[in-house]
Amino acid sequence: MSLFSAEARPAGLTDLAGLLCGPGRIERFGAGDTARFALPLPFDGREGALAALADARGVTLRPCTSGQDGPGMRSAFRKDLAPLARTWCTPDGRKRVPPDFQLDGAALRLWALAAGVGDLRGGYLLLLDPHAPWTHGPLIAAATRAGLPPARLATGEHGAPGPALRLHGARRMLRLVELVGPAPRMLGPTEWPCHHGRPAA
C-alpha cells in the first residue's frame, strides 16, 4: 500500500478538502467561526457513497437543491469546519487552493466520487470548479506533485461536462488506481478509475 493511498491513514476532516478540488465549496457564516460544505452533484447516484465517506469523518451531508448548480448536498454549519474554510477561502470568501496543499489518496477518493468520471478512451476526468478558474492551475500543480501530471480540458473536450483535469496513460492510471482505492459498490464501471480495463480492487 502506498503511503499516500486512501487507506494509508485514519480518516480525518482534512480529507474533505477533496470535495473542494471539484465544484464543491465551503461557506462561512457570520464572523466566520462556523462553516458548511455546499456540494453540487454533476453525476447521479453518488449521494449514498458521499454521505458514507463524509460520515466516516464526522460530517453529515444531506441532499439539497444548490441554486444554479441544481441537485447537491450540504452539511450543517459547524465550528470544526471553520479552520478548513479559513484555509480554502480568502478573507472575502473567495475560494482558493492552499499553497501547501498535498493531494493524497483520501482527498483524491473524495474528488473522484464527487466529480470524477471515465472518458471512455482509457482516461479519467476530474471536474474542476467552473466558478473558480483561478484554482485550476494550483490543482494541476498539486496533481503533478502527487505523480499525476494531468491535461487541462475545457468544457466539451473529450466529452468533459465542465472544465476538468484529464489523467491518461498506463503509468498515471496505475498511480491513480493505487491512490483512490476500490470503487464504491454503487458506481458503474466507467465511473471509477481503472487500469487496462480493470477497476481498482
N, C-alpha and C. Protein backbone atom coordinates (compact mmCIF):
# COMPACT_ATOMS: atom_id res chain seq x y z
N MET A 1 0.83 -1.19 0.00
CA MET A 1 0.00 0.00 0.00
C MET A 1 0.87 1.25 0.00
N SER A 2 0.55 2.20 -0.88
CA SER A 2 1.28 3.46 -0.92
C SER A 2 1.05 4.25 0.36
N LEU A 3 2.07 4.98 0.78
CA LEU A 3 1.94 5.84 1.96
C LEU A 3 0.92 6.94 1.73
N PHE A 4 0.57 7.21 0.48
CA PHE A 4 -0.35 8.28 0.15
C PHE A 4 -1.72 7.78 -0.31
N SER A 5 -1.97 6.47 -0.23
CA SER A 5 -3.24 5.92 -0.70
C SER A 5 -4.37 6.27 0.25
N ALA A 6 -5.60 6.07 -0.24
CA ALA A 6 -6.78 6.45 0.52
C ALA A 6 -6.89 5.69 1.84
N GLU A 7 -6.27 4.50 1.92
CA GLU A 7 -6.43 3.67 3.10
C GLU A 7 -5.19 3.66 3.98
N ALA A 8 -4.25 4.57 3.73
CA ALA A 8 -2.97 4.51 4.42
C ALA A 8 -3.00 5.10 5.82
N ARG A 9 -4.04 5.89 6.13
CA ARG A 9 -4.11 6.51 7.46
C ARG A 9 -5.57 6.66 7.86
N PRO A 10 -5.83 6.90 9.15
CA PRO A 10 -7.23 7.07 9.58
C PRO A 10 -7.89 8.25 8.90
N ALA A 11 -9.21 8.13 8.71
CA ALA A 11 -9.98 9.21 8.09
C ALA A 11 -9.97 10.44 8.98
N GLY A 12 -9.92 11.63 8.36
CA GLY A 12 -9.92 12.88 9.12
C GLY A 12 -10.65 13.97 8.38
N LEU A 13 -10.97 15.04 9.08
CA LEU A 13 -11.69 16.16 8.48
C LEU A 13 -10.95 16.77 7.30
N THR A 14 -9.62 16.83 7.38
CA THR A 14 -8.87 17.46 6.30
C THR A 14 -9.00 16.71 4.98
N ASP A 15 -9.39 15.41 5.02
CA ASP A 15 -9.61 14.66 3.79
C ASP A 15 -10.70 15.31 2.94
N LEU A 16 -11.64 15.99 3.61
CA LEU A 16 -12.78 16.57 2.91
C LEU A 16 -12.38 17.73 2.00
N ALA A 17 -11.12 18.13 2.06
CA ALA A 17 -10.62 19.09 1.08
C ALA A 17 -10.77 18.54 -0.34
N GLY A 18 -10.82 17.22 -0.48
CA GLY A 18 -11.04 16.63 -1.80
C GLY A 18 -12.34 17.09 -2.44
N LEU A 19 -13.36 17.38 -1.61
CA LEU A 19 -14.62 17.88 -2.15
C LEU A 19 -14.46 19.27 -2.74
N LEU A 20 -13.47 20.01 -2.25
CA LEU A 20 -13.27 21.39 -2.69
C LEU A 20 -12.41 21.48 -3.95
N CYS A 21 -11.76 20.38 -4.33
CA CYS A 21 -10.97 20.38 -5.56
C CYS A 21 -11.88 20.47 -6.78
N GLY A 22 -13.06 19.88 -6.68
CA GLY A 22 -14.04 19.98 -7.75
C GLY A 22 -14.96 21.17 -7.55
N PRO A 23 -16.23 21.05 -7.95
CA PRO A 23 -17.16 22.18 -7.84
C PRO A 23 -17.60 22.51 -6.42
N GLY A 24 -17.27 21.67 -5.45
CA GLY A 24 -17.73 21.90 -4.08
C GLY A 24 -17.16 23.18 -3.48
N ARG A 25 -17.89 23.73 -2.51
CA ARG A 25 -17.49 24.96 -1.83
C ARG A 25 -17.64 24.79 -0.33
N ILE A 26 -16.93 25.62 0.40
CA ILE A 26 -17.12 25.69 1.84
C ILE A 26 -17.47 27.14 2.17
N GLU A 27 -18.55 27.33 2.89
CA GLU A 27 -19.12 28.65 3.12
C GLU A 27 -19.06 28.99 4.60
N ARG A 28 -18.57 30.17 4.90
CA ARG A 28 -18.52 30.64 6.29
C ARG A 28 -19.78 31.42 6.62
N PHE A 29 -20.09 31.47 7.90
CA PHE A 29 -21.29 32.18 8.36
C PHE A 29 -20.90 33.24 9.38
N GLY A 30 -21.50 34.41 9.26
CA GLY A 30 -21.28 35.46 10.25
C GLY A 30 -19.83 35.87 10.35
N ALA A 31 -19.31 35.79 11.56
CA ALA A 31 -17.92 36.19 11.81
C ALA A 31 -16.92 35.16 11.30
N GLY A 32 -17.41 34.07 10.75
CA GLY A 32 -16.52 33.06 10.20
C GLY A 32 -16.12 31.99 11.18
N ASP A 33 -16.82 31.91 12.32
CA ASP A 33 -16.45 30.88 13.30
C ASP A 33 -17.19 29.57 13.07
N THR A 34 -18.08 29.54 12.07
CA THR A 34 -18.69 28.28 11.63
C THR A 34 -18.65 28.25 10.10
N ALA A 35 -18.75 27.04 9.54
CA ALA A 35 -18.73 26.89 8.09
C ALA A 35 -19.48 25.62 7.72
N ARG A 36 -19.87 25.54 6.44
CA ARG A 36 -20.54 24.34 5.95
C ARG A 36 -20.07 24.04 4.53
N PHE A 37 -20.23 22.77 4.13
CA PHE A 37 -19.98 22.35 2.76
C PHE A 37 -21.24 22.56 1.92
N ALA A 38 -21.05 23.00 0.69
CA ALA A 38 -22.10 23.07 -0.32
C ALA A 38 -21.56 22.38 -1.56
N LEU A 39 -22.17 21.27 -1.93
CA LEU A 39 -21.58 20.37 -2.91
C LEU A 39 -22.54 20.09 -4.06
N PRO A 40 -22.33 20.71 -5.24
CA PRO A 40 -23.12 20.33 -6.41
C PRO A 40 -22.83 18.88 -6.79
N LEU A 41 -23.81 18.23 -7.41
CA LEU A 41 -23.66 16.83 -7.82
C LEU A 41 -23.77 16.73 -9.33
N PRO A 42 -22.66 16.74 -10.05
CA PRO A 42 -22.73 16.65 -11.51
C PRO A 42 -23.16 15.27 -12.01
N PHE A 43 -23.07 14.23 -11.16
CA PHE A 43 -23.44 12.88 -11.57
C PHE A 43 -24.46 12.31 -10.59
N ASP A 44 -25.43 11.57 -11.12
CA ASP A 44 -26.48 11.00 -10.29
C ASP A 44 -26.00 9.73 -9.58
N GLY A 45 -26.66 9.41 -8.48
CA GLY A 45 -26.49 8.12 -7.82
C GLY A 45 -25.31 8.01 -6.89
N ARG A 46 -24.67 9.12 -6.53
CA ARG A 46 -23.49 9.03 -5.68
C ARG A 46 -23.74 9.57 -4.27
N GLU A 47 -24.96 9.98 -4.00
CA GLU A 47 -25.25 10.59 -2.71
C GLU A 47 -24.93 9.68 -1.54
N GLY A 48 -25.31 8.40 -1.64
CA GLY A 48 -25.09 7.46 -0.54
C GLY A 48 -23.61 7.26 -0.24
N ALA A 49 -22.81 7.11 -1.29
CA ALA A 49 -21.38 6.90 -1.10
C ALA A 49 -20.71 8.15 -0.53
N LEU A 50 -21.11 9.32 -1.03
CA LEU A 50 -20.54 10.57 -0.50
C LEU A 50 -20.92 10.76 0.96
N ALA A 51 -22.20 10.47 1.29
CA ALA A 51 -22.64 10.61 2.68
C ALA A 51 -21.85 9.67 3.59
N ALA A 52 -21.56 8.45 3.11
CA ALA A 52 -20.83 7.49 3.93
C ALA A 52 -19.38 7.94 4.17
N LEU A 53 -18.72 8.46 3.12
CA LEU A 53 -17.34 8.92 3.30
C LEU A 53 -17.28 10.14 4.21
N ALA A 54 -18.24 11.04 4.08
CA ALA A 54 -18.28 12.21 4.97
C ALA A 54 -18.59 11.78 6.40
N ASP A 55 -19.53 10.85 6.56
CA ASP A 55 -19.90 10.38 7.90
C ASP A 55 -18.71 9.73 8.60
N ALA A 56 -17.86 9.03 7.85
CA ALA A 56 -16.67 8.42 8.43
C ALA A 56 -15.72 9.48 8.98
N ARG A 57 -15.91 10.71 8.55
CA ARG A 57 -15.08 11.83 9.02
C ARG A 57 -15.86 12.75 9.95
N GLY A 58 -17.03 12.28 10.40
CA GLY A 58 -17.80 13.00 11.39
C GLY A 58 -18.68 14.11 10.86
N VAL A 59 -18.90 14.16 9.54
CA VAL A 59 -19.70 15.22 8.93
C VAL A 59 -20.90 14.60 8.22
N THR A 60 -22.07 15.15 8.44
CA THR A 60 -23.29 14.68 7.79
C THR A 60 -23.58 15.54 6.57
N LEU A 61 -23.69 14.90 5.41
CA LEU A 61 -24.10 15.57 4.18
C LEU A 61 -25.51 15.13 3.83
N ARG A 62 -26.38 16.11 3.55
CA ARG A 62 -27.76 15.82 3.20
C ARG A 62 -28.09 16.38 1.82
N PRO A 63 -28.98 15.69 1.07
CA PRO A 63 -29.38 16.21 -0.24
C PRO A 63 -30.03 17.59 -0.13
N CYS A 64 -29.81 18.41 -1.15
CA CYS A 64 -30.41 19.73 -1.19
C CYS A 64 -30.47 20.17 -2.65
N THR A 65 -31.09 21.33 -2.88
CA THR A 65 -31.03 21.97 -4.18
C THR A 65 -30.09 23.14 -4.06
N SER A 66 -29.04 23.15 -4.89
CA SER A 66 -27.99 24.14 -4.71
C SER A 66 -28.07 25.27 -5.74
N GLY A 67 -29.27 25.83 -5.88
CA GLY A 67 -29.45 27.01 -6.72
C GLY A 67 -29.09 26.76 -8.17
N GLN A 68 -28.19 27.55 -8.72
CA GLN A 68 -27.85 27.48 -10.14
C GLN A 68 -27.20 26.16 -10.52
N ASP A 69 -26.67 25.43 -9.55
CA ASP A 69 -25.99 24.17 -9.84
C ASP A 69 -26.92 22.97 -9.81
N GLY A 70 -28.18 23.17 -9.43
CA GLY A 70 -29.12 22.05 -9.40
C GLY A 70 -28.96 21.20 -8.15
N PRO A 71 -29.22 19.88 -8.25
CA PRO A 71 -29.15 19.00 -7.08
C PRO A 71 -27.76 19.01 -6.46
N GLY A 72 -27.75 18.85 -5.14
CA GLY A 72 -26.47 18.84 -4.45
C GLY A 72 -26.60 18.26 -3.06
N MET A 73 -25.56 18.44 -2.26
CA MET A 73 -25.56 18.01 -0.86
C MET A 73 -24.97 19.14 -0.04
N ARG A 74 -25.36 19.16 1.22
CA ARG A 74 -24.91 20.24 2.08
C ARG A 74 -24.77 19.71 3.50
N SER A 75 -23.83 20.28 4.24
CA SER A 75 -23.69 19.97 5.67
C SER A 75 -24.32 21.09 6.47
N ALA A 76 -24.45 20.89 7.76
CA ALA A 76 -24.84 21.97 8.67
C ALA A 76 -23.63 22.88 8.89
N PHE A 77 -23.89 24.10 9.35
CA PHE A 77 -22.80 24.96 9.78
C PHE A 77 -22.20 24.38 11.05
N ARG A 78 -20.86 24.28 11.08
CA ARG A 78 -20.16 23.66 12.21
C ARG A 78 -18.90 24.44 12.53
N LYS A 79 -18.59 24.48 13.83
CA LYS A 79 -17.37 25.18 14.25
C LYS A 79 -16.12 24.45 13.80
N ASP A 80 -16.16 23.12 13.77
CA ASP A 80 -14.94 22.38 13.43
C ASP A 80 -14.59 22.45 11.95
N LEU A 81 -15.47 23.02 11.12
CA LEU A 81 -15.15 23.22 9.71
C LEU A 81 -14.54 24.59 9.45
N ALA A 82 -14.57 25.47 10.45
CA ALA A 82 -14.04 26.82 10.26
C ALA A 82 -12.55 26.83 9.88
N PRO A 83 -11.70 26.02 10.50
CA PRO A 83 -10.28 26.03 10.08
C PRO A 83 -10.09 25.64 8.61
N LEU A 84 -10.85 24.66 8.13
CA LEU A 84 -10.76 24.27 6.73
C LEU A 84 -11.24 25.42 5.83
N ALA A 85 -12.29 26.10 6.27
CA ALA A 85 -12.79 27.25 5.49
C ALA A 85 -11.75 28.37 5.44
N ARG A 86 -11.08 28.62 6.54
CA ARG A 86 -10.05 29.67 6.53
C ARG A 86 -8.90 29.31 5.59
N THR A 87 -8.61 28.02 5.51
CA THR A 87 -7.53 27.56 4.64
C THR A 87 -7.91 27.65 3.17
N TRP A 88 -9.18 27.35 2.85
CA TRP A 88 -9.63 27.24 1.47
C TRP A 88 -10.38 28.48 0.97
N CYS A 89 -10.47 29.52 1.78
CA CYS A 89 -11.15 30.75 1.36
C CYS A 89 -10.29 31.96 1.72
N THR A 90 -10.35 32.97 0.87
CA THR A 90 -9.75 34.26 1.21
C THR A 90 -10.63 34.95 2.24
N PRO A 91 -10.15 36.01 2.89
CA PRO A 91 -10.99 36.70 3.88
C PRO A 91 -12.33 37.18 3.33
N ASP A 92 -12.41 37.46 2.02
CA ASP A 92 -13.69 37.90 1.45
C ASP A 92 -14.53 36.74 0.91
N GLY A 93 -14.14 35.50 1.24
CA GLY A 93 -14.94 34.33 0.88
C GLY A 93 -14.64 33.73 -0.47
N ARG A 94 -13.61 34.19 -1.16
CA ARG A 94 -13.25 33.65 -2.47
C ARG A 94 -12.50 32.33 -2.30
N LYS A 95 -12.90 31.33 -3.05
CA LYS A 95 -12.27 30.02 -2.95
C LYS A 95 -10.81 30.09 -3.43
N ARG A 96 -9.93 29.35 -2.74
CA ARG A 96 -8.53 29.29 -3.13
C ARG A 96 -7.99 27.91 -2.79
N VAL A 97 -6.88 27.55 -3.40
CA VAL A 97 -6.17 26.31 -3.07
C VAL A 97 -5.01 26.70 -2.18
N PRO A 98 -4.89 26.12 -0.99
CA PRO A 98 -3.76 26.46 -0.11
C PRO A 98 -2.43 26.19 -0.80
N PRO A 99 -1.44 27.05 -0.62
CA PRO A 99 -0.16 26.86 -1.31
C PRO A 99 0.56 25.58 -0.92
N ASP A 100 0.29 25.05 0.27
CA ASP A 100 0.96 23.83 0.72
C ASP A 100 0.07 22.58 0.57
N PHE A 101 -0.99 22.68 -0.24
CA PHE A 101 -1.94 21.58 -0.37
C PHE A 101 -1.27 20.34 -0.95
N GLN A 102 -1.45 19.20 -0.25
CA GLN A 102 -0.93 17.90 -0.70
C GLN A 102 -2.10 17.03 -1.13
N LEU A 103 -2.13 16.65 -2.38
CA LEU A 103 -3.21 15.83 -2.92
C LEU A 103 -2.88 14.36 -2.70
N ASP A 104 -3.43 13.78 -1.63
CA ASP A 104 -3.16 12.38 -1.32
C ASP A 104 -4.35 11.51 -1.72
N GLY A 105 -4.26 10.23 -1.42
CA GLY A 105 -5.30 9.29 -1.84
C GLY A 105 -6.66 9.57 -1.24
N ALA A 106 -6.71 9.98 0.02
CA ALA A 106 -8.00 10.24 0.66
C ALA A 106 -8.72 11.41 -0.01
N ALA A 107 -7.99 12.50 -0.28
CA ALA A 107 -8.59 13.65 -0.96
C ALA A 107 -8.98 13.27 -2.39
N LEU A 108 -8.12 12.52 -3.08
CA LEU A 108 -8.43 12.10 -4.45
C LEU A 108 -9.67 11.22 -4.50
N ARG A 109 -9.83 10.34 -3.52
CA ARG A 109 -11.00 9.46 -3.49
C ARG A 109 -12.28 10.29 -3.39
N LEU A 110 -12.27 11.31 -2.54
CA LEU A 110 -13.45 12.16 -2.41
C LEU A 110 -13.68 13.00 -3.67
N TRP A 111 -12.60 13.50 -4.26
CA TRP A 111 -12.73 14.27 -5.50
C TRP A 111 -13.32 13.38 -6.60
N ALA A 112 -12.79 12.17 -6.76
CA ALA A 112 -13.28 11.26 -7.80
C ALA A 112 -14.74 10.91 -7.58
N LEU A 113 -15.13 10.69 -6.33
CA LEU A 113 -16.50 10.32 -6.05
C LEU A 113 -17.45 11.49 -6.29
N ALA A 114 -17.04 12.69 -5.91
CA ALA A 114 -17.90 13.85 -6.06
C ALA A 114 -17.96 14.35 -7.50
N ALA A 115 -16.85 14.22 -8.25
CA ALA A 115 -16.79 14.90 -9.55
C ALA A 115 -15.84 14.23 -10.53
N GLY A 116 -15.80 12.90 -10.53
CA GLY A 116 -14.92 12.18 -11.44
C GLY A 116 -15.69 11.21 -12.32
N VAL A 117 -15.17 10.96 -13.53
CA VAL A 117 -15.81 10.00 -14.43
C VAL A 117 -14.81 9.59 -15.50
N GLY A 118 -14.92 8.35 -15.97
CA GLY A 118 -14.08 7.90 -17.07
C GLY A 118 -14.46 8.60 -18.37
N ASP A 119 -13.50 8.74 -19.30
CA ASP A 119 -13.79 9.44 -20.56
C ASP A 119 -13.99 8.48 -21.72
N LEU A 120 -14.09 7.18 -21.44
CA LEU A 120 -14.35 6.14 -22.45
C LEU A 120 -13.21 5.99 -23.45
N ARG A 121 -12.08 6.63 -23.17
CA ARG A 121 -10.89 6.47 -24.02
C ARG A 121 -9.70 6.03 -23.17
N GLY A 122 -10.01 5.41 -22.04
CA GLY A 122 -8.97 4.90 -21.16
C GLY A 122 -8.44 5.91 -20.17
N GLY A 123 -8.97 7.12 -20.20
CA GLY A 123 -8.55 8.15 -19.26
C GLY A 123 -9.60 8.41 -18.20
N TYR A 124 -9.30 9.34 -17.32
CA TYR A 124 -10.23 9.68 -16.24
C TYR A 124 -10.27 11.19 -16.09
N LEU A 125 -11.48 11.73 -15.92
CA LEU A 125 -11.70 13.16 -15.77
C LEU A 125 -12.02 13.50 -14.32
N LEU A 126 -11.37 14.52 -13.81
CA LEU A 126 -11.70 15.09 -12.51
C LEU A 126 -12.19 16.51 -12.77
N LEU A 127 -13.49 16.73 -12.54
CA LEU A 127 -14.07 18.03 -12.84
C LEU A 127 -13.53 19.10 -11.89
N LEU A 128 -13.38 20.30 -12.43
CA LEU A 128 -12.93 21.47 -11.67
C LEU A 128 -14.10 22.38 -11.40
N ASP A 129 -13.87 23.41 -10.61
CA ASP A 129 -14.93 24.37 -10.28
C ASP A 129 -15.03 25.40 -11.40
N PRO A 130 -16.15 25.42 -12.15
CA PRO A 130 -16.26 26.39 -13.24
C PRO A 130 -16.37 27.83 -12.75
N HIS A 131 -16.73 28.00 -11.46
CA HIS A 131 -16.88 29.34 -10.90
C HIS A 131 -15.59 29.85 -10.24
N ALA A 132 -14.55 29.04 -10.24
CA ALA A 132 -13.27 29.44 -9.62
C ALA A 132 -12.10 29.02 -10.51
N PRO A 133 -12.01 29.59 -11.73
CA PRO A 133 -10.96 29.16 -12.67
C PRO A 133 -9.54 29.41 -12.15
N TRP A 134 -9.39 30.35 -11.21
CA TRP A 134 -8.06 30.62 -10.64
C TRP A 134 -7.55 29.46 -9.79
N THR A 135 -8.42 28.51 -9.44
CA THR A 135 -7.98 27.34 -8.67
C THR A 135 -7.43 26.24 -9.57
N HIS A 136 -7.65 26.32 -10.87
CA HIS A 136 -7.30 25.21 -11.76
C HIS A 136 -5.79 25.01 -11.84
N GLY A 137 -5.04 26.10 -12.00
CA GLY A 137 -3.59 25.98 -12.08
C GLY A 137 -2.97 25.37 -10.83
N PRO A 138 -3.32 25.86 -9.63
CA PRO A 138 -2.78 25.23 -8.42
C PRO A 138 -3.15 23.76 -8.28
N LEU A 139 -4.33 23.36 -8.76
CA LEU A 139 -4.69 21.94 -8.68
C LEU A 139 -3.91 21.10 -9.68
N ILE A 140 -3.59 21.66 -10.83
CA ILE A 140 -2.69 20.97 -11.76
C ILE A 140 -1.34 20.74 -11.09
N ALA A 141 -0.84 21.77 -10.41
CA ALA A 141 0.45 21.65 -9.72
C ALA A 141 0.38 20.60 -8.62
N ALA A 142 -0.73 20.58 -7.86
CA ALA A 142 -0.87 19.59 -6.78
C ALA A 142 -0.94 18.18 -7.34
N ALA A 143 -1.68 17.99 -8.43
CA ALA A 143 -1.76 16.67 -9.05
C ALA A 143 -0.39 16.22 -9.56
N THR A 144 0.35 17.15 -10.14
CA THR A 144 1.68 16.83 -10.65
C THR A 144 2.61 16.41 -9.51
N ARG A 145 2.55 17.13 -8.40
CA ARG A 145 3.38 16.75 -7.24
C ARG A 145 3.01 15.37 -6.71
N ALA A 146 1.74 14.97 -6.89
CA ALA A 146 1.29 13.65 -6.44
C ALA A 146 1.63 12.55 -7.44
N GLY A 147 2.37 12.88 -8.51
CA GLY A 147 2.73 11.89 -9.51
C GLY A 147 1.67 11.67 -10.57
N LEU A 148 0.76 12.66 -10.73
CA LEU A 148 -0.35 12.54 -11.67
C LEU A 148 -0.41 13.77 -12.58
N PRO A 149 0.62 14.05 -13.37
CA PRO A 149 0.57 15.23 -14.24
C PRO A 149 -0.61 15.12 -15.21
N PRO A 150 -1.55 16.08 -15.15
CA PRO A 150 -2.76 15.96 -15.96
C PRO A 150 -2.74 16.89 -17.17
N ALA A 151 -3.68 16.66 -18.08
CA ALA A 151 -4.02 17.63 -19.11
C ALA A 151 -5.22 18.43 -18.62
N ARG A 152 -5.26 19.70 -18.97
CA ARG A 152 -6.39 20.56 -18.60
C ARG A 152 -7.36 20.65 -19.77
N LEU A 153 -8.63 20.35 -19.52
CA LEU A 153 -9.65 20.35 -20.57
C LEU A 153 -10.65 21.48 -20.33
N ALA A 154 -11.11 22.06 -21.42
CA ALA A 154 -12.23 22.98 -21.37
C ALA A 154 -13.53 22.17 -21.50
N THR A 155 -14.64 22.78 -21.17
CA THR A 155 -15.93 22.12 -21.30
C THR A 155 -16.12 21.61 -22.72
N GLY A 156 -16.48 20.33 -22.84
CA GLY A 156 -16.72 19.73 -24.15
C GLY A 156 -15.57 18.92 -24.68
N GLU A 157 -14.34 19.21 -24.27
CA GLU A 157 -13.20 18.43 -24.74
C GLU A 157 -13.25 17.02 -24.15
N HIS A 158 -13.05 16.03 -25.01
CA HIS A 158 -13.11 14.62 -24.58
C HIS A 158 -14.41 14.32 -23.83
N GLY A 159 -15.48 15.05 -24.17
CA GLY A 159 -16.77 14.83 -23.54
C GLY A 159 -16.89 15.37 -22.13
N ALA A 160 -15.95 16.20 -21.70
CA ALA A 160 -15.99 16.74 -20.33
C ALA A 160 -17.22 17.62 -20.15
N PRO A 161 -18.05 17.36 -19.13
CA PRO A 161 -19.24 18.19 -18.91
C PRO A 161 -18.92 19.55 -18.29
N GLY A 162 -17.68 19.80 -17.99
CA GLY A 162 -17.23 21.06 -17.43
C GLY A 162 -15.72 21.10 -17.51
N PRO A 163 -15.09 22.19 -17.05
CA PRO A 163 -13.62 22.20 -17.03
C PRO A 163 -13.12 21.05 -16.16
N ALA A 164 -12.04 20.42 -16.60
CA ALA A 164 -11.61 19.19 -15.93
C ALA A 164 -10.12 18.97 -16.12
N LEU A 165 -9.57 18.15 -15.23
CA LEU A 165 -8.25 17.58 -15.43
C LEU A 165 -8.44 16.18 -16.01
N ARG A 166 -7.63 15.86 -17.03
CA ARG A 166 -7.69 14.52 -17.62
C ARG A 166 -6.41 13.78 -17.32
N LEU A 167 -6.55 12.60 -16.73
CA LEU A 167 -5.43 11.71 -16.48
C LEU A 167 -5.52 10.55 -17.45
N HIS A 168 -4.41 10.24 -18.10
CA HIS A 168 -4.41 9.15 -19.07
C HIS A 168 -3.00 8.60 -19.18
N GLY A 169 -2.89 7.45 -19.80
CA GLY A 169 -1.61 6.77 -19.90
C GLY A 169 -1.48 5.72 -18.81
N ALA A 170 -0.81 4.62 -19.15
CA ALA A 170 -0.74 3.47 -18.25
C ALA A 170 -0.14 3.83 -16.89
N ARG A 171 0.95 4.59 -16.88
CA ARG A 171 1.62 4.88 -15.62
C ARG A 171 0.75 5.77 -14.72
N ARG A 172 0.14 6.79 -15.30
CA ARG A 172 -0.70 7.68 -14.50
C ARG A 172 -1.94 6.96 -13.98
N MET A 173 -2.56 6.15 -14.83
CA MET A 173 -3.77 5.45 -14.40
C MET A 173 -3.47 4.42 -13.32
N LEU A 174 -2.33 3.74 -13.43
CA LEU A 174 -1.94 2.81 -12.38
C LEU A 174 -1.73 3.54 -11.05
N ARG A 175 -1.08 4.69 -11.12
CA ARG A 175 -0.87 5.52 -9.92
C ARG A 175 -2.20 5.98 -9.33
N LEU A 176 -3.12 6.43 -10.19
CA LEU A 176 -4.42 6.89 -9.71
C LEU A 176 -5.20 5.77 -9.05
N VAL A 177 -5.22 4.60 -9.68
CA VAL A 177 -5.92 3.44 -9.11
C VAL A 177 -5.34 3.08 -7.74
N GLU A 178 -4.02 3.14 -7.64
CA GLU A 178 -3.36 2.83 -6.37
C GLU A 178 -3.79 3.81 -5.28
N LEU A 179 -3.92 5.07 -5.66
CA LEU A 179 -4.21 6.11 -4.66
C LEU A 179 -5.68 6.10 -4.22
N VAL A 180 -6.62 5.97 -5.15
CA VAL A 180 -8.03 6.14 -4.78
C VAL A 180 -8.64 4.91 -4.13
N GLY A 181 -8.06 3.72 -4.34
CA GLY A 181 -8.60 2.53 -3.73
C GLY A 181 -9.80 1.97 -4.49
N PRO A 182 -10.45 0.94 -3.95
CA PRO A 182 -11.53 0.26 -4.66
C PRO A 182 -12.75 1.14 -4.87
N ALA A 183 -13.48 0.85 -5.93
CA ALA A 183 -14.68 1.62 -6.27
C ALA A 183 -15.80 1.37 -5.27
N PRO A 184 -16.55 2.40 -4.89
CA PRO A 184 -17.77 2.18 -4.11
C PRO A 184 -18.72 1.26 -4.89
N ARG A 185 -19.47 0.44 -4.18
CA ARG A 185 -20.27 -0.61 -4.81
C ARG A 185 -21.30 -0.06 -5.81
N MET A 186 -21.86 1.12 -5.54
CA MET A 186 -22.96 1.60 -6.37
C MET A 186 -22.51 2.28 -7.65
N LEU A 187 -21.22 2.42 -7.88
CA LEU A 187 -20.74 3.08 -9.09
C LEU A 187 -20.61 2.10 -10.25
N GLY A 188 -20.90 2.60 -11.45
CA GLY A 188 -20.75 1.79 -12.65
C GLY A 188 -19.29 1.68 -13.06
N PRO A 189 -18.99 0.78 -14.00
CA PRO A 189 -17.59 0.51 -14.36
C PRO A 189 -16.89 1.69 -15.02
N THR A 190 -17.62 2.63 -15.63
CA THR A 190 -16.97 3.78 -16.27
C THR A 190 -16.84 4.97 -15.33
N GLU A 191 -17.32 4.83 -14.10
CA GLU A 191 -17.34 5.97 -13.20
C GLU A 191 -16.14 6.05 -12.26
N TRP A 192 -15.34 4.99 -12.22
CA TRP A 192 -14.22 4.94 -11.28
C TRP A 192 -12.93 4.66 -12.04
N PRO A 193 -11.80 5.17 -11.57
CA PRO A 193 -10.55 4.93 -12.28
C PRO A 193 -10.24 3.43 -12.45
N CYS A 194 -9.71 3.10 -13.60
CA CYS A 194 -9.30 1.72 -13.85
C CYS A 194 -8.01 1.72 -14.66
N HIS A 195 -7.34 0.58 -14.63
CA HIS A 195 -6.08 0.43 -15.34
C HIS A 195 -6.20 -0.76 -16.28
N HIS A 196 -6.02 -0.52 -17.59
CA HIS A 196 -6.17 -1.57 -18.60
C HIS A 196 -7.52 -2.27 -18.47
N GLY A 197 -8.57 -1.45 -18.21
CA GLY A 197 -9.92 -2.00 -18.16
C GLY A 197 -10.29 -2.64 -16.85
N ARG A 198 -9.36 -2.68 -15.91
CA ARG A 198 -9.66 -3.32 -14.62
C ARG A 198 -9.77 -2.25 -13.54
N PRO A 199 -10.95 -2.13 -12.87
CA PRO A 199 -11.09 -1.13 -11.82
C PRO A 199 -10.26 -1.49 -10.61
N ALA A 200 -10.04 -0.49 -9.77
CA ALA A 200 -9.32 -0.73 -8.51
C ALA A 200 -10.06 -1.77 -7.70
N ALA A 201 -9.32 -2.68 -7.08
CA ALA A 201 -9.94 -3.74 -6.29
C ALA A 201 -9.16 -3.97 -5.01
